[in-house]
Amino acid sequence: MRTTVRIRRAALVFTAIGALALTGCGDDGDGGKDTKDGGGSAKETGSTPGVVLPKLDGEKISVAAVWTGPEQANFVKVLKEFEKRTGAQVTFVPAQDPIVNFLGTKIAGGQPPDVAMIPQVGAIKQAAEKKWAKPVGAEAKAQLAKNYSQVWQDLGAVDGTQYGVYFKAANKSLIWYNAKAFENAGASEPKTWKDFLATAETVSASGITPVSVGGADGWTLTDWFENIYLSQAGPEKYDQLAQHKIKWTDPSVKDALTSLGQLFGKPSLIAGGADGALQTEFPASVTQTFTGGDQPKGAMVFEGDFVGINIAQTKAKIGTDAKVFPFPAVGAESPVVTGGDAAVALKDSKGAQALLTWLASTDAAKIWAEQGGFISPNKALDAASYPNEVQRTMAEALIAAGDAVRFDMSDQAPQSFGGTPGKGEWKTLQDFLKNPKDIAGTQAKLESDAAKAYKS
């Protein structure tokens, strides 16, 4: 829906991550505890004063999100603190993907949630076009102006009107690996795609399948493609493809699929082969990489900083058992792709607007940051809030990029193309995983589905 710009050399910041020694990610901190009464203080949130919230005694507010497990639990801690400060009663409503369909059903039934956490830029645009979304109020706008780079404000706006407050961000350009498996294989962290494939072969020769792929969740496959495409084709082409200003039959897409096919075309390099990967959901793709001692089902798994949440469900410790390196450079530089979840009001109520104001504040971001498995786009948040050096490094790189951040391509697309299980890009890339030789057919199907979705 709009051009996002690149993270300028932010990948360089990540080159030191793999060498860091640190404690486990996702351990419980004290973020859920009461952070003083009233609006907080400058002392507890660095140089930024706490947010002022209205009294909402007894007002009931519902918030819908697709988060489950630890993510849901940590978000509820953020909501609990909002309750303490305002007197409101907040209910978490579990949603399903695609969230636009879920919300459509709720709205048709006359029971929309007050606020929805929307994980796609394209879905925010759809919600605004359907007139479901309500514009962000003055108080939340003030928090955004104070705490957010312009790009994060723009990502939550449609045709100049602010609808979304981005609360949670992600660095989606990381490869996590089982340190013991690498050590036993004599493998080292690769910096280029060519080296990555060679490392995979080295690990395979040691008797361990090198790469775990959560192909049952099509969004992981779009992330594979996007990282390769950004690095190989460059930022201008990335922006053009994200907006469908060039077609998916473009030679640059062929080049990216060819590179991805170098991995997907070798079933011996993928845990369970293509069929096994297509039956593996994302959480299992992580946990099977960090269980089984020195005989895991896979030695490496690709995904964002949020992988730490799933690693925390195993006995592996980040920095010793589980390490991470930047997505390898396919072109001149390693890519850095980001994603995020934005709060959007579906009811024009005092409570909904107050919650947007809260989620745009440093105080709210601090609560989840202390729990781990979270990166905030809030530039005013003190990096010391994060529980370990890996999280701090990733968060600092995101903030240092400022307006140079580049958002997940599929999340910018209409949801019918870029965010629906069993359809569009998700389904076509699952088919590509099964048959990576059919590059021309994959391009044709992607373009056909994109043309319908973008109405071009």
Protein backbone atom coordinates (compact mmCIF):
# COMPACT_ATOMS: atom_id res chain seq x y z
CA MET A 1 0.00 0.00 0.00
CA ARG A 2 2.96 2.29 0.36
CA THR A 3 6.68 2.15 -0.14
CA THR A 4 8.78 1.11 2.80
CA VAL A 5 12.45 1.82 2.75
CA ARG A 6 15.42 -0.27 3.54
CA ILE A 7 17.31 -1.00 6.74
CA ARG A 8 20.65 0.61 5.88
CA ARG A 9 23.27 -1.93 6.64
CA ALA A 10 21.41 -2.98 9.77
CA ALA A 11 22.50 -6.52 9.01
CA LEU A 12 26.01 -5.51 10.04
CA VAL A 13 24.79 -5.07 13.58
CA PHE A 14 23.68 -8.69 13.65
CA THR A 15 27.05 -10.18 12.69
CA ALA A 16 28.06 -10.24 16.33
CA ILE A 17 24.90 -11.95 17.58
CA GLY A 18 26.05 -15.53 17.13
CA ALA A 19 29.08 -14.98 19.33
CA LEU A 20 27.17 -13.58 22.27
CA ALA A 21 26.96 -15.56 25.51
CA LEU A 22 23.75 -14.95 27.39
CA THR A 23 20.99 -16.40 29.45
CA GLY A 24 17.84 -18.07 28.15
CA CYS A 25 15.19 -16.06 26.34
CA GLY A 26 11.61 -15.87 27.45
CA ASP A 27 12.22 -16.39 31.16
CA ASP A 28 9.67 -14.68 33.36
CA GLY A 29 10.72 -11.21 34.44
CA ASP A 30 8.94 -8.69 36.55
CA GLY A 31 7.24 -6.94 33.62
CA GLY A 32 3.81 -8.00 34.78
CA LYS A 33 4.16 -6.32 38.17
CA ASP A 34 2.54 -3.03 38.97
CA THR A 35 4.77 -0.23 37.64
CA LYS A 36 3.65 2.34 40.20
CA ASP A 37 0.33 4.06 40.19
CA GLY A 38 -0.85 6.81 37.90
CA GLY A 39 0.97 7.24 34.63
CA GLY A 40 4.36 5.84 35.57
CA SER A 41 7.52 7.91 35.95
CA ALA A 42 10.49 9.08 33.96
CA LYS A 43 12.74 7.02 36.22
CA GLU A 44 11.12 3.70 35.32
CA THR A 45 10.94 4.33 31.56
CA GLY A 46 14.25 6.01 30.90
CA SER A 47 13.95 9.66 29.78
CA THR A 48 10.34 9.29 28.66
CA PRO A 49 7.61 10.26 31.15
CA GLY A 50 4.79 7.81 31.74
CA VAL A 51 1.57 8.00 29.78
CA VAL A 52 -1.53 9.63 31.24
CA LEU A 53 -4.68 7.50 30.91
CA PRO A 54 -8.32 8.31 31.68
CA LYS A 55 -10.35 6.69 34.43
CA LEU A 56 -12.53 3.96 32.93
CA ASP A 57 -14.01 2.36 36.05
CA GLY A 58 -16.12 -0.63 35.04
CA GLU A 59 -15.87 -0.06 31.28
CA LYS A 60 -15.58 -3.35 29.40
CA ILE A 61 -13.09 -3.59 26.52
CA SER A 62 -12.42 -6.60 24.30
CA VAL A 63 -9.18 -7.14 22.36
CA ALA A 64 -8.85 -9.72 19.57
CA ALA A 65 -5.49 -11.18 18.51
CA VAL A 66 -4.16 -14.37 16.95
CA TRP A 67 -1.54 -14.78 19.68
CA THR A 68 -1.54 -18.03 21.64
CA GLY A 69 0.65 -19.62 24.33
CA PRO A 70 3.43 -17.46 25.77
CA GLU A 71 2.70 -14.56 23.39
CA GLN A 72 -0.90 -14.39 24.57
CA ALA A 73 0.17 -14.69 28.21
CA ASN A 74 2.66 -11.84 27.88
CA PHE A 75 0.18 -9.61 26.08
CA VAL A 76 -2.37 -10.26 28.82
CA LYS A 77 0.19 -8.91 31.31
CA VAL A 78 0.21 -5.67 29.31
CA LEU A 79 -3.60 -5.58 29.40
CA LYS A 80 -3.65 -6.28 33.16
CA GLU A 81 -1.51 -3.22 33.82
CA PHE A 82 -3.91 -1.14 31.69
CA GLU A 83 -6.75 -2.43 33.89
CA LYS A 84 -4.88 -1.38 37.05
CA ARG A 85 -4.25 2.12 35.75
CA THR A 86 -7.74 2.80 34.35
CA GLY A 87 -10.20 0.59 36.21
CA ALA A 88 -11.42 -0.91 32.93
CA GLN A 89 -12.15 -4.62 32.46
CA VAL A 90 -10.32 -6.04 29.45
CA THR A 91 -11.09 -9.38 27.81
CA PHE A 92 -8.70 -11.13 25.41
CA VAL A 93 -10.56 -12.63 22.43
CA PRO A 94 -8.67 -15.44 20.63
CA ALA A 95 -8.80 -14.84 16.86
CA GLN A 96 -7.98 -17.02 13.89
CA ASP A 97 -6.08 -16.36 10.69
CA PRO A 98 -6.96 -14.73 8.41
CA ILE A 99 -7.98 -12.14 10.97
CA VAL A 100 -9.93 -10.04 8.43
CA ASN A 101 -12.30 -12.98 7.92
CA PHE A 102 -12.57 -13.49 11.67
CA LEU A 103 -13.37 -9.82 12.23
CA GLY A 104 -15.85 -9.83 9.35
CA THR A 105 -17.79 -12.60 11.04
CA LYS A 106 -17.79 -10.75 14.37
CA ILE A 107 -18.90 -7.49 12.75
CA ALA A 108 -21.62 -9.22 10.74
CA GLY A 109 -22.89 -10.72 13.99
CA GLY A 110 -22.95 -7.31 15.66
CA GLN A 111 -20.21 -8.20 18.15
CA PRO A 112 -16.93 -6.68 16.96
CA PRO A 113 -14.12 -6.46 19.50
CA ASP A 114 -13.23 -2.97 20.63
CA VAL A 115 -9.65 -3.38 19.40
CA ALA A 116 -7.96 -5.90 17.10
CA MET A 117 -4.25 -6.64 16.82
CA ILE A 118 -3.74 -6.85 13.05
CA PRO A 119 -0.52 -8.44 11.74
CA GLN A 120 -0.71 -7.34 8.09
CA VAL A 121 -0.42 -3.86 6.57
CA GLY A 122 -2.78 -5.02 3.82
CA ALA A 123 -5.35 -6.09 6.41
CA ILE A 124 -5.29 -2.64 8.03
CA LYS A 125 -5.99 -1.14 4.62
CA GLN A 126 -8.88 -3.57 4.10
CA ALA A 127 -10.34 -2.76 7.52
CA ALA A 128 -10.19 0.96 6.71
CA GLU A 129 -11.74 0.49 3.27
CA LYS A 130 -14.58 -1.56 4.78
CA LYS A 131 -15.05 1.26 7.32
CA TRP A 132 -14.50 -1.14 10.21
CA ALA A 133 -11.45 0.71 11.53
CA LYS A 134 -11.78 3.92 13.50
CA PRO A 135 -9.17 6.70 13.22
CA VAL A 136 -6.62 6.98 16.02
CA GLY A 137 -7.44 9.71 18.54
CA ALA A 138 -5.35 12.72 19.52
CA GLU A 139 -3.84 11.16 22.67
CA ALA A 140 -2.60 8.05 20.87
CA LYS A 141 -1.31 10.20 18.01
CA ALA A 142 0.70 12.21 20.51
CA GLN A 143 2.29 9.03 21.84
CA LEU A 144 3.08 7.89 18.30
CA ALA A 145 4.68 11.22 17.42
CA LYS A 146 6.82 11.09 20.57
CA ASN A 147 7.81 7.44 20.52
CA TYR A 148 7.81 6.20 16.90
CA SER A 149 9.80 6.82 13.75
CA GLN A 150 7.73 8.16 10.87
CA VAL A 151 7.83 4.88 8.96
CA TRP A 152 5.99 3.02 11.75
CA GLN A 153 3.36 5.76 11.79
CA ASP A 154 3.01 5.53 8.01
CA LEU A 155 2.61 1.76 8.13
CA GLY A 156 -0.45 2.23 10.33
CA ALA A 157 -1.98 4.92 8.10
CA VAL A 158 -4.28 4.62 5.09
CA ASP A 159 -4.56 7.54 2.69
CA GLY A 160 -3.12 9.88 5.29
CA THR A 161 -5.43 8.83 8.15
CA GLN A 162 -3.89 7.04 11.16
CA TYR A 163 -5.65 3.78 11.99
CA GLY A 164 -2.98 1.51 13.46
CA VAL A 165 -0.63 1.62 16.44
CA TYR A 166 2.26 -0.80 15.92
CA PHE A 167 2.94 -2.45 19.25
CA LYS A 168 5.07 -5.48 18.38
CA ALA A 169 7.76 -5.71 15.72
CA ALA A 170 9.95 -8.54 14.49
CA ASN A 171 13.30 -9.02 12.83
CA LYS A 172 12.51 -11.78 10.33
CA SER A 173 16.00 -12.29 8.94
CA LEU A 174 17.69 -14.75 11.30
CA ILE A 175 18.91 -18.33 11.14
CA TRP A 176 18.91 -20.11 14.52
CA TYR A 177 21.07 -23.20 14.94
CA ASN A 178 21.81 -26.08 17.27
CA ALA A 179 25.31 -25.29 18.51
CA LYS A 180 26.14 -28.92 19.34
CA ALA A 181 25.13 -30.12 15.89
CA PHE A 182 27.35 -27.47 14.30
CA GLU A 183 30.23 -28.33 16.60
CA ASN A 184 29.99 -32.05 15.85
CA ALA A 185 29.87 -31.36 12.11
CA GLY A 186 32.76 -28.89 12.22
CA ALA A 187 30.47 -26.28 10.68
CA SER A 188 30.75 -22.51 11.05
CA GLU A 189 28.30 -19.66 10.61
CA PRO A 190 27.91 -18.83 6.90
CA LYS A 191 27.75 -15.28 5.60
CA THR A 192 26.59 -15.87 2.03
CA TRP A 193 23.91 -18.05 0.44
CA LYS A 194 26.58 -20.13 -1.26
CA ASP A 195 28.27 -20.68 2.10
CA PHE A 196 24.90 -21.49 3.68
CA LEU A 197 24.28 -24.29 1.19
CA ALA A 198 27.81 -25.58 1.73
CA THR A 199 27.28 -25.50 5.50
CA ALA A 200 24.07 -27.46 5.06
CA GLU A 201 25.95 -30.12 3.11
CA THR A 202 28.62 -30.25 5.83
CA VAL A 203 26.01 -30.79 8.53
CA SER A 204 24.24 -33.38 6.38
CA ALA A 205 27.48 -35.32 5.99
CA SER A 206 27.72 -35.54 9.78
CA GLY A 207 24.46 -37.48 9.87
CA ILE A 208 22.13 -34.65 10.92
CA THR A 209 19.52 -33.18 8.57
CA PRO A 210 20.57 -29.54 8.31
CA VAL A 211 17.41 -27.44 7.86
CA SER A 212 14.04 -27.57 9.64
CA VAL A 213 11.23 -25.93 7.66
CA GLY A 214 7.76 -25.19 9.04
CA GLY A 215 6.07 -25.59 5.67
CA ALA A 216 2.62 -26.34 7.11
CA ASP A 217 2.44 -22.61 7.85
CA GLY A 218 2.69 -20.90 4.48
CA TRP A 219 3.84 -17.61 5.97
CA THR A 220 7.24 -19.09 6.81
CA LEU A 221 7.76 -19.82 3.11
CA THR A 222 6.91 -16.24 2.13
CA ASP A 223 9.61 -15.12 4.58
CA TRP A 224 12.15 -17.42 2.92
CA PHE A 225 11.30 -15.89 -0.45
CA GLU A 226 11.28 -12.29 0.76
CA ASN A 227 14.70 -12.47 2.38
CA ILE A 228 16.23 -13.97 -0.73
CA TYR A 229 14.44 -11.50 -2.99
CA LEU A 230 15.41 -8.41 -0.95
CA SER A 231 19.07 -9.41 -0.86
CA GLN A 232 19.24 -10.52 -4.48
CA ALA A 233 16.94 -8.07 -6.30
CA GLY A 234 17.50 -5.06 -4.05
CA PRO A 235 15.21 -2.57 -2.31
CA GLU A 236 13.72 -0.85 -5.35
CA LYS A 237 12.54 -4.09 -6.92
CA TYR A 238 11.30 -5.25 -3.50
CA ASP A 239 9.12 -2.15 -3.19
CA GLN A 240 7.82 -2.55 -6.73
CA LEU A 241 6.88 -6.19 -6.23
CA ALA A 242 5.33 -5.45 -2.83
CA GLN A 243 3.00 -2.94 -4.51
CA HIS A 244 2.50 -5.13 -7.60
CA LYS A 245 4.07 -2.47 -9.78
CA ILE A 246 6.03 -5.27 -11.42
CA LYS A 247 4.59 -8.70 -12.11
CA TRP A 248 5.48 -11.94 -10.41
CA THR A 249 6.58 -13.17 -13.84
CA ASP A 250 9.46 -10.66 -13.67
CA PRO A 251 12.95 -12.20 -14.15
CA SER A 252 13.90 -11.04 -10.63
CA VAL A 253 11.27 -13.40 -9.18
CA LYS A 254 12.64 -16.23 -11.31
CA ASP A 255 16.12 -15.55 -9.91
CA ALA A 256 14.88 -15.62 -6.30
CA LEU A 257 12.88 -18.83 -6.80
CA THR A 258 15.91 -20.40 -8.47
CA SER A 259 18.02 -19.58 -5.42
CA LEU A 260 15.37 -20.87 -3.02
CA GLY A 261 15.09 -24.00 -5.16
CA GLN A 262 18.76 -24.72 -4.46
CA LEU A 263 17.63 -25.59 -0.93
CA PHE A 264 14.10 -26.85 -1.52
CA GLY A 265 15.28 -28.95 -4.45
CA LYS A 266 17.40 -31.14 -2.18
CA PRO A 267 15.03 -33.10 0.10
CA SER A 268 18.00 -34.56 1.97
CA LEU A 269 18.75 -31.09 3.34
CA ILE A 270 15.26 -30.61 4.80
CA ALA A 271 13.96 -32.38 7.92
CA GLY A 272 11.43 -34.95 6.73
CA GLY A 273 11.94 -33.90 3.12
CA ALA A 274 9.33 -31.75 1.40
CA ASP A 275 6.44 -33.92 2.60
CA GLY A 276 7.65 -33.79 6.19
CA ALA A 277 8.18 -30.03 6.03
CA LEU A 278 4.65 -29.51 4.69
CA GLN A 279 3.31 -31.36 7.74
CA THR A 280 5.45 -29.39 10.20
CA GLU A 281 3.96 -26.31 11.80
CA PHE A 282 6.23 -23.42 12.72
CA PRO A 283 6.46 -24.11 16.50
CA ALA A 284 7.46 -27.73 15.85
CA SER A 285 10.06 -26.62 13.29
CA VAL A 286 11.78 -24.77 16.13
CA THR A 287 11.40 -27.27 18.95
CA GLN A 288 12.59 -30.19 16.82
CA THR A 289 15.78 -28.21 16.15
CA PHE A 290 16.55 -27.87 19.85
CA THR A 291 15.46 -31.23 21.24
CA GLY A 292 16.99 -34.66 20.85
CA GLY A 293 20.38 -33.78 22.31
CA ASP A 294 23.10 -33.95 19.66
CA GLN A 295 20.71 -35.79 17.32
CA PRO A 296 18.02 -33.20 16.53
CA LYS A 297 15.69 -33.60 13.58
CA GLY A 298 17.18 -30.43 12.13
CA ALA A 299 20.30 -28.39 12.84
CA MET A 300 19.04 -24.99 11.67
CA VAL A 301 15.71 -23.18 11.54
CA PHE A 302 14.94 -19.88 9.86
CA GLU A 303 12.67 -17.22 11.34
CA GLY A 304 12.49 -14.06 13.37
CA ASP A 305 13.46 -13.01 16.87
CA PHE A 306 10.21 -14.59 18.13
CA VAL A 307 11.82 -18.02 17.70
CA GLY A 308 13.15 -17.42 21.20
CA ILE A 309 9.65 -17.99 22.58
CA ASN A 310 9.58 -21.51 21.15
CA ILE A 311 13.14 -22.27 22.18
CA ALA A 312 12.08 -21.39 25.72
CA GLN A 313 9.69 -24.38 25.56
CA THR A 314 12.73 -26.68 25.28
CA LYS A 315 15.71 -27.21 27.59
CA ALA A 316 18.02 -25.36 25.19
CA LYS A 317 19.60 -22.11 26.35
CA ILE A 318 20.10 -19.26 23.91
CA GLY A 319 23.73 -18.33 23.56
CA THR A 320 25.01 -21.81 24.47
CA ASP A 321 22.75 -24.52 23.01
CA ALA A 322 20.92 -22.24 20.58
CA LYS A 323 22.75 -19.59 18.59
CA VAL A 324 21.78 -17.29 15.75
CA PHE A 325 23.30 -15.63 12.70
CA PRO A 326 21.93 -13.14 10.11
CA PHE A 327 20.16 -14.48 7.04
CA PRO A 328 23.00 -15.04 4.56
CA ALA A 329 23.62 -12.56 1.78
CA VAL A 330 22.27 -13.80 -1.54
CA GLY A 331 23.27 -10.55 -3.21
CA ALA A 332 25.64 -7.87 -1.99
CA GLU A 333 24.25 -7.60 1.53
CA SER A 334 22.33 -9.67 4.05
CA PRO A 335 18.64 -8.74 4.05
CA VAL A 336 16.68 -7.40 7.00
CA VAL A 337 12.92 -7.87 6.77
CA THR A 338 10.62 -6.78 9.55
CA GLY A 339 7.02 -7.50 10.50
CA GLY A 340 4.68 -6.29 13.18
CA ASP A 341 1.28 -6.23 14.86
CA ALA A 342 -0.81 -3.08 15.01
CA ALA A 343 -3.66 -2.23 17.35
CA VAL A 344 -6.72 -0.97 15.45
CA ALA A 345 -9.90 0.35 17.09
CA LEU A 346 -13.13 -1.14 15.73
CA LYS A 347 -15.35 0.83 18.09
CA ASP A 348 -15.14 4.59 18.51
CA SER A 349 -15.23 4.44 22.28
CA LYS A 350 -13.27 6.11 25.06
CA GLY A 351 -11.95 2.72 26.18
CA ALA A 352 -10.73 1.65 22.75
CA GLN A 353 -8.91 4.96 22.23
CA ALA A 354 -7.36 4.77 25.70
CA LEU A 355 -6.05 1.30 24.95
CA LEU A 356 -4.44 2.54 21.71
CA THR A 357 -2.82 5.33 23.72
CA TRP A 358 -1.54 2.78 26.24
CA LEU A 359 -0.12 0.47 23.56
CA ALA A 360 1.68 3.41 21.93
CA SER A 361 3.38 4.21 25.24
CA THR A 362 6.80 3.24 26.51
CA ASP A 363 5.27 1.91 29.73
CA ALA A 364 3.27 -0.74 27.86
CA ALA A 365 6.20 -1.80 25.67
CA LYS A 366 8.42 -2.19 28.73
CA ILE A 367 6.14 -4.83 30.27
CA TRP A 368 6.41 -7.29 27.39
CA ALA A 369 10.04 -6.41 26.63
CA GLU A 370 11.02 -7.61 30.09
CA GLN A 371 9.45 -11.01 29.38
CA GLY A 372 11.51 -11.67 26.24
CA GLY A 373 10.41 -12.90 22.83
CA PHE A 374 9.44 -9.37 21.86
CA ILE A 375 10.83 -6.36 20.02
CA SER A 376 9.16 -2.97 20.21
CA PRO A 377 9.22 -0.36 17.44
CA ASN A 378 8.97 2.22 20.24
CA LYS A 379 12.22 4.19 19.95
CA ALA A 380 11.83 5.68 23.45
CA LEU A 381 11.97 2.28 25.17
CA ASP A 382 15.18 1.81 27.16
CA ALA A 383 17.05 -1.16 25.65
CA ALA A 384 17.92 -2.23 29.20
CA SER A 385 14.30 -3.42 29.45
CA TYR A 386 15.13 -6.46 27.32
CA PRO A 387 16.17 -9.56 29.30
CA ASN A 388 19.28 -10.51 27.33
CA GLU A 389 21.89 -9.27 24.92
CA VAL A 390 20.44 -10.97 21.85
CA GLN A 391 17.11 -9.19 22.29
CA ARG A 392 18.84 -5.89 23.01
CA THR A 393 21.03 -6.15 19.93
CA MET A 394 18.11 -6.93 17.64
CA ALA A 395 15.96 -4.16 19.13
CA GLU A 396 18.73 -1.58 18.95
CA ALA A 397 19.37 -2.41 15.28
CA LEU A 398 15.69 -1.99 14.46
CA ILE A 399 15.51 1.36 16.23
CA ALA A 400 18.82 2.54 14.75
CA ALA A 401 17.39 1.93 11.27
CA GLY A 402 14.75 4.59 11.93
CA ASP A 403 12.73 5.32 8.81
CA ALA A 404 14.88 2.85 6.85
CA VAL A 405 12.89 -0.19 7.94
CA ARG A 406 11.46 -2.56 5.29
CA PHE A 407 8.24 -4.40 6.08
CA ASP A 408 7.34 -7.99 5.28
CA MET A 409 6.17 -8.08 1.66
CA SER A 410 3.32 -10.56 2.05
CA ASP A 411 1.97 -8.53 4.96
CA GLN A 412 1.73 -5.50 2.66
CA ALA A 413 -0.34 -7.44 0.14
CA PRO A 414 -4.12 -7.87 0.17
CA GLN A 415 -4.84 -10.63 2.68
CA SER A 416 -6.39 -12.89 0.04
CA PHE A 417 -2.97 -13.07 -1.63
CA GLY A 418 -0.42 -12.63 1.15
CA GLY A 419 -2.12 -13.81 4.32
CA THR A 420 -4.64 -16.61 3.82
CA PRO A 421 -3.92 -20.29 4.61
CA GLY A 422 -4.45 -22.53 1.60
CA LYS A 423 -4.66 -19.65 -0.87
CA GLY A 424 -2.53 -17.17 -2.79
CA GLU A 425 1.14 -16.87 -2.01
CA TRP A 426 1.02 -19.23 0.97
CA LYS A 427 -0.43 -22.09 -1.07
CA THR A 428 1.67 -21.48 -4.18
CA LEU A 429 4.91 -21.50 -2.21
CA GLN A 430 3.83 -24.69 -0.45
CA ASP A 431 3.35 -26.19 -3.91
CA PHE A 432 6.79 -24.86 -4.86
CA LEU A 433 8.34 -26.57 -1.84
CA LYS A 434 6.84 -29.80 -3.13
CA ASN A 435 7.95 -29.17 -6.74
CA PRO A 436 10.75 -26.56 -6.84
CA LYS A 437 11.59 -27.33 -10.47
CA ASP A 438 8.38 -25.69 -11.67
CA ILE A 439 9.60 -22.12 -11.45
CA ALA A 440 7.66 -20.83 -14.47
CA GLY A 441 4.43 -22.43 -13.24
CA THR A 442 4.98 -20.99 -9.77
CA GLN A 443 5.49 -17.50 -11.20
CA ALA A 444 2.39 -17.77 -13.38
CA LYS A 445 0.22 -18.85 -10.45
CA LEU A 446 1.60 -16.14 -8.18
CA GLU A 447 0.89 -13.50 -10.81
CA SER A 448 -2.61 -14.81 -11.49
CA ASP A 449 -3.51 -14.71 -7.81
CA ALA A 450 -1.80 -11.34 -7.24
CA ALA A 451 -3.60 -9.74 -10.19
CA LYS A 452 -6.97 -10.76 -8.76
CA ALA A 453 -6.09 -9.62 -5.26
CA TYR A 454 -4.69 -6.24 -6.31
CA LYS A 455 -7.53 -5.84 -8.87
CA SER A 456 -4.99 -5.01 -11.54
